[in-house]
Amino acid sequence: MRAGLRARRPTGRLATMADVVDAVDFLLRNRSVNAVELNVDEGWLLG
């Protein structure tokens, strides 16, 4: 199942917990960023 999901992603990999942590860290450190929906999906929405 994972191989099939990876094959459909433009990056060829699934998002990891580290990816999510980096996104949260980015949003918390940048006060000028607000009302943003940040998708951590390894390009799923592009496909």
PDB file of N, CA and C in Angstrom:
ATOM      1  N   MET A   1       0.830  -1.189   0.000  1.00  0.00           N
ATOM      2  CA  MET A   1       0.000   0.000   0.000  1.00  0.00           C
ATOM      3  C   MET A   1       0.879   1.260   0.000  1.00  0.00           C
ATOM      4  N   ARG A   2       1.919   1.253   0.828  1.00  0.00           N
ATOM      5  CA  ARG A   2       2.797   2.427   0.891  1.00  0.00           C
ATOM      6  C   ARG A   2       3.480   2.687  -0.445  1.00  0.00           C
ATOM      7  N   ALA A   3       3.886   1.621  -1.130  1.00  0.00           N
ATOM      8  CA  ALA A   3       4.543   1.789  -2.433  1.00  0.00           C
ATOM      9  C   ALA A   3       3.605   2.477  -3.421  1.00  0.00           C
ATOM     10  N   GLY A   4       2.338   2.105  -3.372  1.00  0.00           N
ATOM     11  CA  GLY A   4       1.351   2.741  -4.248  1.00  0.00           C
ATOM     12  C   GLY A   4       1.160   4.208  -3.924  1.00  0.00           C
ATOM     13  N   LEU A   5       1.130   4.544  -2.642  1.00  0.00           N
ATOM     14  CA  LEU A   5       0.994   5.950  -2.239  1.00  0.00           C
ATOM     15  C   LEU A   5       2.223   6.750  -2.651  1.00  0.00           C
ATOM     16  N   ARG A   6       3.404   6.174  -2.451  1.00  0.00           N
ATOM     17  CA  ARG A   6       4.640   6.877  -2.846  1.00  0.00           C
ATOM     18  C   ARG A   6       4.677   7.126  -4.341  1.00  0.00           C
ATOM     19  N   ALA A   7       4.218   6.168  -5.108  1.00  0.00           N
ATOM     20  CA  ALA A   7       4.256   6.285  -6.571  1.00  0.00           C
ATOM     21  C   ALA A   7       3.387   7.427  -7.074  1.00  0.00           C
ATOM     22  N   ARG A   8       2.350   7.768  -6.338  1.00  0.00           N
ATOM     23  CA  ARG A   8       1.439   8.847  -6.757  1.00  0.00           C
ATOM     24  C   ARG A   8       1.891  10.230  -6.314  1.00  0.00           C
ATOM     25  N   ARG A   9       2.946  10.314  -5.520  1.00  0.00           N
ATOM     26  CA  ARG A   9       3.448  11.605  -5.043  1.00  0.00           C
ATOM     27  C   ARG A   9       4.510  12.146  -5.996  1.00  0.00           C
ATOM     28  N   PRO A  10       4.486  13.443  -6.306  1.00  0.00           N
ATOM     29  CA  PRO A  10       5.531  14.026  -7.159  1.00  0.00           C
ATOM     30  C   PRO A  10       6.936  13.851  -6.581  1.00  0.00           C
ATOM     31  N   THR A  11       7.056  13.825  -5.269  1.00  0.00           N
ATOM     32  CA  THR A  11       8.375  13.677  -4.649  1.00  0.00           C
ATOM     33  C   THR A  11       8.777  12.220  -4.486  1.00  0.00           C
ATOM     34  N   GLY A  12       7.830  11.301  -4.624  1.00  0.00           N
ATOM     35  CA  GLY A  12       8.121   9.886  -4.481  1.00  0.00           C
ATOM     36  C   GLY A  12       8.290   9.417  -3.049  1.00  0.00           C
ATOM     37  N   ARG A  13       7.860  10.239  -2.082  1.00  0.00           N
ATOM     38  CA  ARG A  13       7.949   9.822  -0.683  1.00  0.00           C
ATOM     39  C   ARG A  13       6.761  10.355   0.087  1.00  0.00           C
ATOM     40  N   LEU A  14       6.536   9.792   1.260  1.00  0.00           N
ATOM     41  CA  LEU A  14       5.451  10.222   2.136  1.00  0.00           C
ATOM     42  C   LEU A  14       5.977  11.250   3.130  1.00  0.00           C
ATOM     43  N   ALA A  15       5.111  12.117   3.590  1.00  0.00           N
ATOM     44  CA  ALA A  15       5.496  13.098   4.603  1.00  0.00           C
ATOM     45  C   ALA A  15       5.829  12.370   5.905  1.00  0.00           C
ATOM     46  N   THR A  16       6.819  12.882   6.605  1.00  0.00           N
ATOM     47  CA  THR A  16       7.235  12.290   7.873  1.00  0.00           C
ATOM     48  C   THR A  16       6.833  13.218   9.020  1.00  0.00           C
ATOM     49  N   MET A  17       6.988  12.724  10.231  1.00  0.00           N
ATOM     50  CA  MET A  17       6.712  13.544  11.404  1.00  0.00           C
ATOM     51  C   MET A  17       7.656  14.747  11.419  1.00  0.00           C
ATOM     52  N   ALA A  18       8.890  14.564  10.971  1.00  0.00           N
ATOM     53  CA  ALA A  18       9.846  15.671  10.916  1.00  0.00           C
ATOM     54  C   ALA A  18       9.357  16.766   9.966  1.00  0.00           C
ATOM     55  N   ASP A  19       8.716  16.386   8.864  1.00  0.00           N
ATOM     56  CA  ASP A  19       8.151  17.369   7.939  1.00  0.00           C
ATOM     57  C   ASP A  19       7.066  18.199   8.621  1.00  0.00           C
ATOM     58  N   VAL A  20       6.219  17.536   9.385  1.00  0.00           N
ATOM     59  CA  VAL A  20       5.145  18.230  10.103  1.00  0.00           C
ATOM     60  C   VAL A  20       5.728  19.156  11.166  1.00  0.00           C
ATOM     61  N   VAL A  21       6.719  18.676  11.900  1.00  0.00           N
ATOM     62  CA  VAL A  21       7.365  19.494  12.934  1.00  0.00           C
ATOM     63  C   VAL A  21       8.003  20.725  12.305  1.00  0.00           C
ATOM     64  N   ASP A  22       8.672  20.572  11.177  1.00  0.00           N
ATOM     65  CA  ASP A  22       9.280  21.718  10.492  1.00  0.00           C
ATOM     66  C   ASP A  22       8.226  22.740  10.076  1.00  0.00           C
ATOM     67  N   ALA A  23       7.083  22.271   9.593  1.00  0.00           N
ATOM     68  CA  ALA A  23       6.013  23.179   9.178  1.00  0.00           C
ATOM     69  C   ALA A  23       5.450  23.942  10.376  1.00  0.00           C
ATOM     70  N   VAL A  24       5.229  23.248  11.472  1.00  0.00           N
ATOM     71  CA  VAL A  24       4.713  23.893  12.686  1.00  0.00           C
ATOM     72  C   VAL A  24       5.732  24.895  13.211  1.00  0.00           C
ATOM     73  N   ASP A  25       6.992  24.517  13.215  1.00  0.00           N
ATOM     74  CA  ASP A  25       8.054  25.417  13.663  1.00  0.00           C
ATOM     75  C   ASP A  25       8.083  26.682  12.804  1.00  0.00           C
ATOM     76  N   PHE A  26       7.961  26.522  11.491  1.00  0.00           N
ATOM     77  CA  PHE A  26       7.928  27.665  10.589  1.00  0.00           C
ATOM     78  C   PHE A  26       6.772  28.606  10.935  1.00  0.00           C
ATOM     79  N   LEU A  27       5.585  28.041  11.134  1.00  0.00           N
ATOM     80  CA  LEU A  27       4.419  28.874  11.432  1.00  0.00           C
ATOM     81  C   LEU A  27       4.533  29.571  12.781  1.00  0.00           C
ATOM     82  N   LEU A  28       5.093  28.905  13.772  1.00  0.00           N
ATOM     83  CA  LEU A  28       5.212  29.503  15.098  1.00  0.00           C
ATOM     84  C   LEU A  28       6.293  30.582  15.165  1.00  0.00           C
ATOM     85  N   ARG A  29       7.341  30.441  14.377  1.00  0.00           N
ATOM     86  CA  ARG A  29       8.446  31.407  14.413  1.00  0.00           C
ATOM     87  C   ARG A  29       8.197  32.649  13.570  1.00  0.00           C
ATOM     88  N   ASN A  30       7.286  32.578  12.622  1.00  0.00           N
ATOM     89  CA  ASN A  30       7.039  33.690  11.713  1.00  0.00           C
ATOM     90  C   ASN A  30       5.713  34.359  12.049  1.00  0.00           C
ATOM     91  N   ARG A  31       5.799  35.408  12.837  1.00  0.00           N
ATOM     92  CA  ARG A  31       4.582  36.094  13.283  1.00  0.00           C
ATOM     93  C   ARG A  31       3.829  36.782  12.151  1.00  0.00           C
ATOM     94  N   SER A  32       4.519  37.062  11.048  1.00  0.00           N
ATOM     95  CA  SER A  32       3.852  37.740   9.939  1.00  0.00           C
ATOM     96  C   SER A  32       2.996  36.780   9.113  1.00  0.00           C
ATOM     97  N   VAL A  33       3.127  35.487   9.344  1.00  0.00           N
ATOM     98  CA  VAL A  33       2.328  34.494   8.630  1.00  0.00           C
ATOM     99  C   VAL A  33       1.097  34.194   9.471  1.00  0.00           C
ATOM    100  N   ASN A  34      -0.070  34.500   8.909  1.00  0.00           N
ATOM    101  CA  ASN A  34      -1.307  34.197   9.623  1.00  0.00           C
ATOM    102  C   ASN A  34      -2.401  33.843   8.631  1.00  0.00           C
ATOM    103  N   ALA A  35      -3.406  33.147   9.111  1.00  0.00           N
ATOM    104  CA  ALA A  35      -4.538  32.717   8.288  1.00  0.00           C
ATOM    105  C   ALA A  35      -4.063  31.932   7.068  1.00  0.00           C
ATOM    106  N   VAL A  36      -3.132  30.998   7.316  1.00  0.00           N
ATOM    107  CA  VAL A  36      -2.551  30.201   6.240  1.00  0.00           C
ATOM    108  C   VAL A  36      -2.888  28.731   6.453  1.00  0.00           C
ATOM    109  N   GLU A  37      -3.266  28.076   5.396  1.00  0.00           N
ATOM    110  CA  GLU A  37      -3.427  26.627   5.430  1.00  0.00           C
ATOM    111  C   GLU A  37      -2.190  26.040   4.767  1.00  0.00           C
ATOM    112  N   LEU A  38      -1.353  25.436   5.549  1.00  0.00           N
ATOM    113  CA  LEU A  38      -0.085  24.901   5.064  1.00  0.00           C
ATOM    114  C   LEU A  38      -0.223  23.388   4.932  1.00  0.00           C
ATOM    115  N   ASN A  39      -0.242  22.907   3.713  1.00  0.00           N
ATOM    116  CA  ASN A  39      -0.396  21.477   3.458  1.00  0.00           C
ATOM    117  C   ASN A  39       0.982  20.804   3.492  1.00  0.00           C
ATOM    118  N   VAL A  40       1.120  19.818   4.334  1.00  0.00           N
ATOM    119  CA  VAL A  40       2.347  19.025   4.423  1.00  0.00           C
ATOM    120  C   VAL A  40       1.973  17.659   3.862  1.00  0.00           C
ATOM    121  N   ASP A  41       1.991  17.554   2.534  1.00  0.00           N
ATOM    122  CA  ASP A  41       1.479  16.349   1.889  1.00  0.00           C
ATOM    123  C   ASP A  41       2.370  15.815   0.767  1.00  0.00           C
ATOM    124  N   GLU A  42       3.604  16.312   0.706  1.00  0.00           N
ATOM    125  CA  GLU A  42       4.562  15.857  -0.303  1.00  0.00           C
ATOM    126  C   GLU A  42       4.003  15.959  -1.725  1.00  0.00           C
ATOM    127  N   GLY A  43       3.268  17.020  -1.997  1.00  0.00           N
ATOM    128  CA  GLY A  43       2.775  17.285  -3.334  1.00  0.00           C
ATOM    129  C   GLY A  43       1.482  16.594  -3.719  1.00  0.00           C
ATOM    130  N   TRP A  44       0.782  16.023  -2.755  1.00  0.00           N
ATOM    131  CA  TRP A  44      -0.467  15.309  -3.054  1.00  0.00           C
ATOM    132  C   TRP A  44      -1.462  16.197  -3.788  1.00  0.00           C
ATOM    133  N   LEU A  45      -1.566  17.455  -3.398  1.00  0.00           N
ATOM    134  CA  LEU A  45      -2.524  18.357  -4.038  1.00  0.00           C
ATOM    135  C   LEU A  45      -2.112  18.742  -5.452  1.00  0.00           C
ATOM    136  N   LEU A  46      -0.846  18.560  -5.794  1.00  0.00           N
ATOM    137  CA  LEU A  46      -0.379  18.861  -7.148  1.00  0.00           C
ATOM    138  C   LEU A  46      -0.765  17.783  -8.148  1.00  0.00           C
ATOM    139  N   GLY A  47      -0.927  16.568  -7.644  1.00  0.00           N
ATOM    140  CA  GLY A  47      -1.184  15.412  -8.538  1.00  0.00           C
ATOM    141  C   GLY A  47      -2.569  15.326  -9.053  1.00  0.00           C
TER     142      GLY A  47
END
